[in-house]
Every structure is written in C-alpha cells, then in structure tokens.
C-alpha cells in the first residue's frame, strides 16, 4: 500500500503579506486563496480523500473576514482533514529567538484548537518558507536561511524539533539537502521519507506540486509514503506545478492506476 500524505500550506492573509514584497501584494489574492480552499473541500470530498491543511494561527483569531476565518477552519476539520500549525504569522523561523518561536508555537496551537473544537487537536507543524533547511546532525547546511546557524540557534532543525516536543507537537514537515544530495552523489526519494528523530515524527519534503515528474515517481517506485506539498492559492496559476489542472490530473492518474494507493493524514503516520 502506497500512502500519499498531501499537505496544503494555507498561508492566509498574514502569510501572503509576510511572504510577498510590497509590489507583489494584491487584495484579491486573499479571497482567491479562500475560494480555492472551498473548491478543494468539495473536490476532495467527491474523491473521498483526506489531507492536511497547515494554517497560520492568526487566521484562526477572532477578527474581520477575509483576514480571520475561524469558521472556515472549523469546516475544514469537520470534513475530516487534519489541521496543523503553519506558525502564528508565517515567521521566518531561523531569524527568531527560541523564546519567540516558543510563543508562536503555543499561540498558533491554542487558537487553531479553539477554532476546530476541543475534541480535535493540533499536533503537527509545517515551518513557513520550509525553513530552517540546516540540519547539522544530518550534514545539511543552508546559506539561504537568512538566520544562519550557529549564529542563530533556531536555524538548525534539531533545535526546532526540541521546541516542538516541548509544546506537545508530534510531527513536523522539514526540507533539507545534505552535502551528498547537493553534489548529486546521493539519489534521493524526491517526495522524502517519514522518519523518527528526538521523539518526533519527521516528514521529509522535497517536492512541491503535481506535475508528471511526481506522478511517474509515485507510480514507478514502491516507497511506503510520499509527502507532497502545495499552496491553495497556486491552484489558480496555470503555469505552475501546483495548478488546478495538474492537481486534477494528479488525483485522477493515481486513482485510475489500479495500484494500492491510500491518501492519509500525517497523524496517521505518527
């Protein structure tokens, strides 16, 4: 059985603002992202697929739509999808102190759990910007983190894992490439593995989108899990691997392959 772990980085307005340069910001994109999420919920329900939505905590606060939408977050959870934290305001993790990250982890978890109801929990974390990518223990170093380890403590994945465990998270999605991967000496599973580290379940994630490369990879290999990430807003961009056209083709190709394929949430792999 091949297990597909599908994670949506639902940035919300706060995430879009913190991810964009001023000249890239457009208000209509805020509503477009939410519109795409509503389409996704209907499509996934039609295909009987469960996925994970990693959402910024600010989006779960009480406030004005479309900046805050706790009722939509509750609706996503009520349809059986997992809710994970995407930090409180889409922070660039390596730049912040451990205390600041601890506060972001606590508050985002608290407000997201309030939105989805006390019978459901938030136990997963998806770092914004896929950072940090440095993981000293595994020989991975990144000079694109802005806050470079060892000058910035939270620039190393091991320190992020410790903070997550202290705040009762159970899994995290990480991206990294060790020196052998960067030099091309080590062939990697492009969708990553699910491993255990420091009492946490770690979902390696090396691929974003739904193009033919990832479809062929899934259908031609026999890994136990395949972690794939995407952004709801990107469904609207036809020239990107995360486009709606590619996503629909991705789902249909896997369903019609007659292979033993099951879509699961990250917590089902913990």
C-alpha atoms as a PDB file:
ATOM      1  CA  UNK A   1       0.000   0.000   0.000  1.00  0.00           C
ATOM      2  CA  UNK A   2       1.414   3.363  -1.054  1.00  0.00           C
ATOM      3  CA  UNK A   3       0.426   6.144   1.344  1.00  0.00           C
ATOM      4  CA  UNK A   4       0.111   9.670  -0.053  1.00  0.00           C
ATOM      5  CA  UNK A   5       0.464  12.487   2.501  1.00  0.00           C
ATOM      6  CA  UNK A   6      -0.937  15.662   0.981  1.00  0.00           C
ATOM      7  CA  UNK A   7      -0.188  18.888   2.868  1.00  0.00           C
ATOM      8  CA  UNK A   8      -1.645  22.281   1.922  1.00  0.00           C
ATOM      9  CA  UNK A   9       0.225  25.373   3.124  1.00  0.00           C
ATOM     10  CA  UNK A  10      -2.786  27.619   3.788  1.00  0.00           C
ATOM     11  CA  UNK A  11      -0.963  30.886   4.455  1.00  0.00           C
ATOM     12  CA  UNK A  12      -3.970  33.138   4.935  1.00  0.00           C
ATOM     13  CA  UNK A  13      -3.628  36.921   4.527  1.00  0.00           C
ATOM     14  CA  UNK A  14      -0.920  37.215   7.190  1.00  0.00           C
ATOM     15  CA  UNK A  15       1.119  34.577   5.388  1.00  0.00           C
ATOM     16  CA  UNK A  16       0.658  36.195   2.000  1.00  0.00           C
ATOM     17  CA  UNK A  17       1.719  39.551   3.371  1.00  0.00           C
ATOM     18  CA  UNK A  18       4.817  38.126   5.075  1.00  0.00           C
ATOM     19  CA  UNK A  19       5.742  36.090   2.000  1.00  0.00           C
ATOM     20  CA  UNK A  20       5.472  38.917  -0.512  1.00  0.00           C
ATOM     21  CA  UNK A  21       7.322  42.029  -1.447  1.00  0.00           C
ATOM     22  CA  UNK A  22       5.053  45.100  -1.263  1.00  0.00           C
ATOM     23  CA  UNK A  23       4.694  45.276  -5.041  1.00  0.00           C
ATOM     24  CA  UNK A  24       3.556  41.633  -5.179  1.00  0.00           C
ATOM     25  CA  UNK A  25       0.598  42.131  -2.827  1.00  0.00           C
ATOM     26  CA  UNK A  26      -2.949  42.209  -4.222  1.00  0.00           C
ATOM     27  CA  UNK A  27      -6.062  42.124  -2.049  1.00  0.00           C
ATOM     28  CA  UNK A  28      -7.967  39.903  -4.484  1.00  0.00           C
ATOM     29  CA  UNK A  29      -5.401  37.154  -3.892  1.00  0.00           C
ATOM     30  CA  UNK A  30      -6.602  36.867  -0.288  1.00  0.00           C
ATOM     31  CA  UNK A  31     -10.102  35.968  -1.422  1.00  0.00           C
ATOM     32  CA  UNK A  32      -8.800  33.805  -4.275  1.00  0.00           C
ATOM     33  CA  UNK A  33      -6.915  31.606  -1.811  1.00  0.00           C
ATOM     34  CA  UNK A  34     -10.057  31.082   0.286  1.00  0.00           C
ATOM     35  CA  UNK A  35     -12.121  30.455  -2.843  1.00  0.00           C
ATOM     36  CA  UNK A  36      -9.626  27.753  -3.863  1.00  0.00           C
ATOM     37  CA  UNK A  37      -9.836  26.156  -0.419  1.00  0.00           C
ATOM     38  CA  UNK A  38     -13.615  25.902  -0.747  1.00  0.00           C
ATOM     39  CA  UNK A  39     -13.189  24.291  -4.171  1.00  0.00           C
ATOM     40  CA  UNK A  40     -10.648  21.889  -2.686  1.00  0.00           C
ATOM     41  CA  UNK A  41     -13.018  20.820   0.082  1.00  0.00           C
ATOM     42  CA  UNK A  42     -15.694  19.906  -2.449  1.00  0.00           C
ATOM     43  CA  UNK A  43     -13.256  18.135  -4.780  1.00  0.00           C
ATOM     44  CA  UNK A  44     -11.575  16.143  -2.010  1.00  0.00           C
ATOM     45  CA  UNK A  45     -14.958  15.144  -0.601  1.00  0.00           C
ATOM     46  CA  UNK A  46     -16.066  13.962  -4.039  1.00  0.00           C
ATOM     47  CA  UNK A  47     -12.923  11.791  -4.308  1.00  0.00           C
ATOM     48  CA  UNK A  48     -13.134  10.665  -0.657  1.00  0.00           C
ATOM     49  CA  UNK A  49      -9.632  11.992   0.048  1.00  0.00           C
ATOM     50  CA  UNK A  50      -8.369  13.288   3.377  1.00  0.00           C
ATOM     51  CA  UNK A  51      -5.444  15.691   3.535  1.00  0.00           C
ATOM     52  CA  UNK A  52      -3.767  18.149   5.911  1.00  0.00           C
ATOM     53  CA  UNK A  53      -4.186  21.931   5.933  1.00  0.00           C
ATOM     54  CA  UNK A  54      -1.319  23.745   7.677  1.00  0.00           C
ATOM     55  CA  UNK A  55      -2.797  27.102   8.666  1.00  0.00           C
ATOM     56  CA  UNK A  56      -1.368  30.255  10.212  1.00  0.00           C
ATOM     57  CA  UNK A  57      -2.660  30.815  13.727  1.00  0.00           C
ATOM     58  CA  UNK A  58      -3.540  34.454  13.012  1.00  0.00           C
ATOM     59  CA  UNK A  59      -6.191  33.189  10.586  1.00  0.00           C
ATOM     60  CA  UNK A  60      -7.951  31.451  13.487  1.00  0.00           C
ATOM     61  CA  UNK A  61      -8.157  34.587  15.634  1.00  0.00           C
ATOM     62  CA  UNK A  62     -11.427  36.464  16.052  1.00  0.00           C
ATOM     63  CA  UNK A  63     -11.469  39.269  13.512  1.00  0.00           C
ATOM     64  CA  UNK A  64     -12.716  40.500  10.179  1.00  0.00           C
ATOM     65  CA  UNK A  65     -13.067  38.310   7.095  1.00  0.00           C
ATOM     66  CA  UNK A  66     -11.030  37.611   4.950  1.00  0.00           C
ATOM     67  CA  UNK A  67      -8.179  38.295   7.384  1.00  0.00           C
ATOM     68  CA  UNK A  68      -9.503  35.895  10.030  1.00  0.00           C
ATOM     69  CA  UNK A  69     -11.756  32.903   9.340  1.00  0.00           C
ATOM     70  CA  UNK A  70     -12.079  30.517  12.315  1.00  0.00           C
ATOM     71  CA  UNK A  71     -15.413  29.173  10.988  1.00  0.00           C
ATOM     72  CA  UNK A  72     -13.761  28.035   7.737  1.00  0.00           C
ATOM     73  CA  UNK A  73     -11.010  26.319   9.721  1.00  0.00           C
ATOM     74  CA  UNK A  74     -13.689  24.519  11.728  1.00  0.00           C
ATOM     75  CA  UNK A  75     -15.395  23.476   8.489  1.00  0.00           C
ATOM     76  CA  UNK A  76     -12.138  22.028   7.133  1.00  0.00           C
ATOM     77  CA  UNK A  77     -11.654  19.968  10.297  1.00  0.00           C
ATOM     78  CA  UNK A  78     -15.290  18.841  10.354  1.00  0.00           C
ATOM     79  CA  UNK A  79     -14.784  17.289   6.909  1.00  0.00           C
ATOM     80  CA  UNK A  80     -12.091  15.025   8.331  1.00  0.00           C
ATOM     81  CA  UNK A  81      -8.984  16.897   7.247  1.00  0.00           C
ATOM     82  CA  UNK A  82      -6.125  17.384   9.679  1.00  0.00           C
ATOM     83  CA  UNK A  83      -5.286  20.899  10.860  1.00  0.00           C
ATOM     84  CA  UNK A  84      -1.623  21.693  11.513  1.00  0.00           C
ATOM     85  CA  UNK A  85       0.129  24.865  12.614  1.00  0.00           C
ATOM     86  CA  UNK A  86       1.886  26.963   9.994  1.00  0.00           C
ATOM     87  CA  UNK A  87       3.180  29.216  12.804  1.00  0.00           C
ATOM     88  CA  UNK A  88       1.232  32.204  14.121  1.00  0.00           C
ATOM     89  CA  UNK A  89       2.097  34.801  11.466  1.00  0.00           C
ATOM     90  CA  UNK A  90       4.270  32.942   8.950  1.00  0.00           C
ATOM     91  CA  UNK A  91       7.540  33.751  10.699  1.00  0.00           C
ATOM     92  CA  UNK A  92      10.920  33.074   9.099  1.00  0.00           C
ATOM     93  CA  UNK A  93      11.893  30.649  11.866  1.00  0.00           C
ATOM     94  CA  UNK A  94      15.721  30.861  11.758  1.00  0.00           C
ATOM     95  CA  UNK A  95      15.661  34.628  12.331  1.00  0.00           C
ATOM     96  CA  UNK A  96      13.756  34.428  15.614  1.00  0.00           C
ATOM     97  CA  UNK A  97      14.903  33.570  19.116  1.00  0.00           C
ATOM     98  CA  UNK A  98      13.866  30.325  20.755  1.00  0.00           C
ATOM     99  CA  UNK A  99      11.525  32.250  23.070  1.00  0.00           C
ATOM    100  CA  UNK A 100       9.794  33.925  20.115  1.00  0.00           C
ATOM    101  CA  UNK A 101       9.320  30.597  18.330  1.00  0.00           C
ATOM    102  CA  UNK A 102       8.005  29.002  21.521  1.00  0.00           C
ATOM    103  CA  UNK A 103       5.359  31.730  21.745  1.00  0.00           C
ATOM    104  CA  UNK A 104       4.399  31.286  18.092  1.00  0.00           C
ATOM    105  CA  UNK A 105       4.066  27.516  18.548  1.00  0.00           C
ATOM    106  CA  UNK A 106       1.945  27.901  21.682  1.00  0.00           C
ATOM    107  CA  UNK A 107      -0.390  30.599  20.400  1.00  0.00           C
ATOM    108  CA  UNK A 108      -0.950  29.087  16.955  1.00  0.00           C
ATOM    109  CA  UNK A 109      -1.755  25.711  18.502  1.00  0.00           C
ATOM    110  CA  UNK A 110      -4.081  27.311  21.050  1.00  0.00           C
ATOM    111  CA  UNK A 111      -6.144  29.393  18.601  1.00  0.00           C
ATOM    112  CA  UNK A 112      -6.337  26.671  15.955  1.00  0.00           C
ATOM    113  CA  UNK A 113      -7.570  24.150  18.534  1.00  0.00           C
ATOM    114  CA  UNK A 114     -10.131  26.680  19.750  1.00  0.00           C
ATOM    115  CA  UNK A 115     -11.382  27.063  16.174  1.00  0.00           C
ATOM    116  CA  UNK A 116     -11.706  23.337  15.458  1.00  0.00           C
ATOM    117  CA  UNK A 117     -13.168  22.354  18.827  1.00  0.00           C
ATOM    118  CA  UNK A 118     -11.849  20.639  21.921  1.00  0.00           C
ATOM    119  CA  UNK A 119     -12.433  17.148  20.533  1.00  0.00           C
ATOM    120  CA  UNK A 120      -9.705  17.699  17.930  1.00  0.00           C
ATOM    121  CA  UNK A 121      -6.060  18.531  18.465  1.00  0.00           C
ATOM    122  CA  UNK A 122      -3.273  20.265  16.550  1.00  0.00           C
ATOM    123  CA  UNK A 123      -0.154  18.097  16.748  1.00  0.00           C
ATOM    124  CA  UNK A 124       1.676  18.947  13.508  1.00  0.00           C
ATOM    125  CA  UNK A 125       3.871  21.852  12.434  1.00  0.00           C
ATOM    126  CA  UNK A 126       4.788  22.999   8.934  1.00  0.00           C
ATOM    127  CA  UNK A 127       7.546  25.650   9.032  1.00  0.00           C
ATOM    128  CA  UNK A 128       6.873  28.688   6.843  1.00  0.00           C
ATOM    129  CA  UNK A 129       9.213  29.115   3.890  1.00  0.00           C
ATOM    130  CA  UNK A 130      10.317  25.487   4.515  1.00  0.00           C
ATOM    131  CA  UNK A 131      12.917  26.886   6.908  1.00  0.00           C
ATOM    132  CA  UNK A 132      15.223  26.004   8.577  1.00  0.00           C
ATOM    133  CA  UNK A 133      16.897  23.799   5.988  1.00  0.00           C
ATOM    134  CA  UNK A 134      20.074  23.397   8.029  1.00  0.00           C
ATOM    135  CA  UNK A 135      20.233  20.097   9.919  1.00  0.00           C
ATOM    136  CA  UNK A 136      23.718  19.721  11.378  1.00  0.00           C
ATOM    137  CA  UNK A 137      23.133  16.180  12.629  1.00  0.00           C
ATOM    138  CA  UNK A 138      22.392  15.048   9.056  1.00  0.00           C
ATOM    139  CA  UNK A 139      25.124  17.069   7.375  1.00  0.00           C
ATOM    140  CA  UNK A 140      22.753  19.590   5.796  1.00  0.00           C
ATOM    141  CA  UNK A 141      23.662  23.283   5.691  1.00  0.00           C
ATOM    142  CA  UNK A 142      21.794  26.163   4.069  1.00  0.00           C
ATOM    143  CA  UNK A 143      23.036  29.678   3.447  1.00  0.00           C
ATOM    144  CA  UNK A 144      19.568  30.742   2.312  1.00  0.00           C
ATOM    145  CA  UNK A 145      18.074  30.726   5.803  1.00  0.00           C
ATOM    146  CA  UNK A 146      18.964  34.398   6.493  1.00  0.00           C
ATOM    147  CA  UNK A 147      19.447  33.458  10.148  1.00  0.00           C
ATOM    148  CA  UNK A 148      22.363  31.067   9.680  1.00  0.00           C
ATOM    149  CA  UNK A 149      23.297  28.509  12.348  1.00  0.00           C
ATOM    150  CA  UNK A 150      25.322  28.726  14.627  1.00  0.00           C
ATOM    151  CA  UNK A 151      24.783  32.492  14.805  1.00  0.00           C
ATOM    152  CA  UNK A 152      21.026  31.890  15.045  1.00  0.00           C
ATOM    153  CA  UNK A 153      20.090  28.955  17.281  1.00  0.00           C
ATOM    154  CA  UNK A 154      16.746  28.259  15.585  1.00  0.00           C
ATOM    155  CA  UNK A 155      18.496  27.907  12.254  1.00  0.00           C
ATOM    156  CA  UNK A 156      19.064  24.206  12.971  1.00  0.00           C
ATOM    157  CA  UNK A 157      16.255  21.667  12.665  1.00  0.00           C
ATOM    158  CA  UNK A 158      17.299  19.844  15.856  1.00  0.00           C
ATOM    159  CA  UNK A 159      16.529  22.941  17.923  1.00  0.00           C
ATOM    160  CA  UNK A 160      13.167  23.309  16.187  1.00  0.00           C
ATOM    161  CA  UNK A 161      12.361  19.666  16.987  1.00  0.00           C
ATOM    162  CA  UNK A 162      13.137  20.256  20.668  1.00  0.00           C
ATOM    163  CA  UNK A 163      10.841  23.293  20.810  1.00  0.00           C
ATOM    164  CA  UNK A 164       8.053  21.326  19.117  1.00  0.00           C
ATOM    165  CA  UNK A 165       8.319  18.452  21.557  1.00  0.00           C
ATOM    166  CA  UNK A 166       8.192  20.870  24.492  1.00  0.00           C
ATOM    167  CA  UNK A 167       4.889  22.208  23.137  1.00  0.00           C
ATOM    168  CA  UNK A 168       3.296  18.770  22.622  1.00  0.00           C
ATOM    169  CA  UNK A 169       3.600  18.597  18.859  1.00  0.00           C
ATOM    170  CA  UNK A 170       4.051  15.111  17.415  1.00  0.00           C
ATOM    171  CA  UNK A 171       5.146  15.657  13.813  1.00  0.00           C
ATOM    172  CA  UNK A 172       6.871  18.208  11.603  1.00  0.00           C
ATOM    173  CA  UNK A 173       7.493  18.602   7.886  1.00  0.00           C
ATOM    174  CA  UNK A 174      11.076  19.542   7.019  1.00  0.00           C
ATOM    175  CA  UNK A 175      13.080  20.221   3.881  1.00  0.00           C
ATOM    176  CA  UNK A 176      16.846  19.807   3.730  1.00  0.00           C
ATOM    177  CA  UNK A 177      19.638  18.527   1.494  1.00  0.00           C
ATOM    178  CA  UNK A 178      22.854  17.118   2.905  1.00  0.00           C
ATOM    179  CA  UNK A 179      26.165  17.704   1.160  1.00  0.00           C
ATOM    180  CA  UNK A 180      25.948  14.441  -0.799  1.00  0.00           C
ATOM    181  CA  UNK A 181      22.491  15.353  -2.160  1.00  0.00           C
ATOM    182  CA  UNK A 182      23.704  18.803  -3.194  1.00  0.00           C
ATOM    183  CA  UNK A 183      26.686  17.348  -5.059  1.00  0.00           C
ATOM    184  CA  UNK A 184      24.486  14.777  -6.764  1.00  0.00           C
ATOM    185  CA  UNK A 185      26.214  11.750  -5.218  1.00  0.00           C
ATOM    186  CA  UNK A 186      23.160  10.559  -3.292  1.00  0.00           C
ATOM    187  CA  UNK A 187      19.946   9.699  -5.096  1.00  0.00           C
ATOM    188  CA  UNK A 188      17.015  10.796  -3.021  1.00  0.00           C
ATOM    189  CA  UNK A 189      13.360   9.886  -2.858  1.00  0.00           C
ATOM    190  CA  UNK A 190      12.018  13.132  -4.321  1.00  0.00           C
ATOM    191  CA  UNK A 191       8.996  13.044  -2.028  1.00  0.00           C
ATOM    192  CA  UNK A 192      11.033  12.200   1.085  1.00  0.00           C
ATOM    193  CA  UNK A 193      10.744   9.641   3.866  1.00  0.00           C
ATOM    194  CA  UNK A 194       8.924   9.517   7.192  1.00  0.00           C
ATOM    195  CA  UNK A 195      11.500   9.109   9.956  1.00  0.00           C
ATOM    196  CA  UNK A 196      11.740   9.363  13.742  1.00  0.00           C
ATOM    197  CA  UNK A 197      14.031  11.887  15.416  1.00  0.00           C
ATOM    198  CA  UNK A 198      14.159  13.158  19.012  1.00  0.00           C
ATOM    199  CA  UNK A 199      10.763  11.625  19.768  1.00  0.00           C
ATOM    200  CA  UNK A 200       9.178  13.407  16.784  1.00  0.00           C
ATOM    201  CA  UNK A 201       7.844  12.057  13.510  1.00  0.00           C
ATOM    202  CA  UNK A 202       9.617  13.896  10.705  1.00  0.00           C
ATOM    203  CA  UNK A 203       8.109  14.117   7.229  1.00  0.00           C
ATOM    204  CA  UNK A 204      10.844  14.867   4.750  1.00  0.00           C
ATOM    205  CA  UNK A 205       9.502  17.018   1.948  1.00  0.00           C
ATOM    206  CA  UNK A 206      11.482  17.627  -1.212  1.00  0.00           C
ATOM    207  CA  UNK A 207       8.679  18.203  -3.716  1.00  0.00           C
ATOM    208  CA  UNK A 208       6.003  20.809  -4.305  1.00  0.00           C
ATOM    209  CA  UNK A 209       3.292  20.376  -6.917  1.00  0.00           C
ATOM    210  CA  UNK A 210       1.570  17.767  -9.042  1.00  0.00           C
ATOM    211  CA  UNK A 211       3.312  17.542 -12.410  1.00  0.00           C
ATOM    212  CA  UNK A 212       4.204  14.394 -14.339  1.00  0.00           C
ATOM    213  CA  UNK A 213       7.535  14.013 -12.519  1.00  0.00           C
ATOM    214  CA  UNK A 214       5.910  13.280  -9.175  1.00  0.00           C
ATOM    215  CA  UNK A 215       3.121  11.192 -10.736  1.00  0.00           C
ATOM    216  CA  UNK A 216       5.671   8.967 -12.508  1.00  0.00           C
ATOM    217  CA  UNK A 217       7.770   8.772  -9.334  1.00  0.00           C
ATOM    218  CA  UNK A 218       4.836   7.505  -7.287  1.00  0.00           C
ATOM    219  CA  UNK A 219       3.660   5.011  -9.894  1.00  0.00           C
ATOM    220  CA  UNK A 220       7.128   3.631 -10.688  1.00  0.00           C
ATOM    221  CA  UNK A 221       8.512   3.203  -7.151  1.00  0.00           C
ATOM    222  CA  UNK A 222       7.436   1.307  -4.067  1.00  0.00           C
ATOM    223  CA  UNK A 223       8.094   3.575  -1.120  1.00  0.00           C
ATOM    224  CA  UNK A 224       5.786   3.287   1.876  1.00  0.00           C
ATOM    225  CA  UNK A 225       4.981   7.020   1.977  1.00  0.00           C
ATOM    226  CA  UNK A 226       5.035  10.001  -0.383  1.00  0.00           C
ATOM    227  CA  UNK A 227       4.799  13.513   1.085  1.00  0.00           C
ATOM    228  CA  UNK A 228       3.647  16.214  -1.337  1.00  0.00           C
ATOM    229  CA  UNK A 229       3.048  19.871  -0.542  1.00  0.00           C
ATOM    230  CA  UNK A 230       1.193  22.658  -2.295  1.00  0.00           C
ATOM    231  CA  UNK A 231      -0.438  26.037  -1.699  1.00  0.00           C
ATOM    232  CA  UNK A 232      -4.168  26.571  -2.284  1.00  0.00           C
ATOM    233  CA  UNK A 233      -3.557  29.946  -3.914  1.00  0.00           C
ATOM    234  CA  UNK A 234      -1.239  28.373  -6.514  1.00  0.00           C
ATOM    235  CA  UNK A 235      -4.112  26.323  -7.910  1.00  0.00           C
ATOM    236  CA  UNK A 236      -5.052  29.496  -9.789  1.00  0.00           C
ATOM    237  CA  UNK A 237      -1.708  29.812 -11.597  1.00  0.00           C
ATOM    238  CA  UNK A 238      -1.858  27.732 -14.759  1.00  0.00           C
ATOM    239  CA  UNK A 239       1.885  27.812 -15.468  1.00  0.00           C
ATOM    240  CA  UNK A 240       2.898  26.353 -12.078  1.00  0.00           C
ATOM    241  CA  UNK A 241       3.281  22.721 -10.997  1.00  0.00           C
ATOM    242  CA  UNK A 242       0.629  23.404  -8.310  1.00  0.00           C
ATOM    243  CA  UNK A 243      -2.043  24.424 -10.828  1.00  0.00           C
ATOM    244  CA  UNK A 244      -5.605  23.126 -10.580  1.00  0.00           C
ATOM    245  CA  UNK A 245      -5.211  21.337 -13.915  1.00  0.00           C
ATOM    246  CA  UNK A 246      -2.120  19.482 -12.672  1.00  0.00           C
ATOM    247  CA  UNK A 247      -3.810  18.635  -9.377  1.00  0.00           C
ATOM    248  CA  UNK A 248      -6.907  17.159 -11.011  1.00  0.00           C
ATOM    249  CA  UNK A 249      -4.713  15.138 -13.380  1.00  0.00           C
ATOM    250  CA  UNK A 250      -2.553  14.000 -10.436  1.00  0.00           C
ATOM    251  CA  UNK A 251      -5.549  12.697  -8.490  1.00  0.00           C
ATOM    252  CA  UNK A 252      -7.175  11.036 -11.481  1.00  0.00           C
ATOM    253  CA  UNK A 253      -3.954   9.351 -12.613  1.00  0.00           C
ATOM    254  CA  UNK A 254      -3.357   7.859  -9.175  1.00  0.00           C
ATOM    255  CA  UNK A 255      -6.955   6.716  -8.756  1.00  0.00           C
ATOM    256  CA  UNK A 256      -7.058   5.166 -12.224  1.00  0.00           C
ATOM    257  CA  UNK A 257      -3.682   3.425 -11.857  1.00  0.00           C
ATOM    258  CA  UNK A 258      -5.219   0.362 -10.158  1.00  0.00           C
ATOM    259  CA  UNK A 259      -2.316   0.431  -7.713  1.00  0.00           C
ATOM    260  CA  UNK A 260      -2.886   0.142  -3.963  1.00  0.00           C
ATOM    261  CA  UNK A 261      -2.847   3.849  -3.081  1.00  0.00           C
ATOM    262  CA  UNK A 262      -4.274   5.423   0.052  1.00  0.00           C
ATOM    263  CA  UNK A 263      -4.399   9.101   0.960  1.00  0.00           C
ATOM    264  CA  UNK A 264      -3.604   9.572   4.665  1.00  0.00           C
ATOM    265  CA  UNK A 265      -3.105  12.457   7.088  1.00  0.00           C
ATOM    266  CA  UNK A 266       0.288  12.985   8.746  1.00  0.00           C
ATOM    267  CA  UNK A 267      -1.040  11.950  12.162  1.00  0.00           C
ATOM    268  CA  UNK A 268      -1.936   8.546  10.741  1.00  0.00           C
ATOM    269  CA  UNK A 269       1.816   8.012  10.224  1.00  0.00           C
ATOM    270  CA  UNK A 270       2.882   9.038  13.736  1.00  0.00           C
END
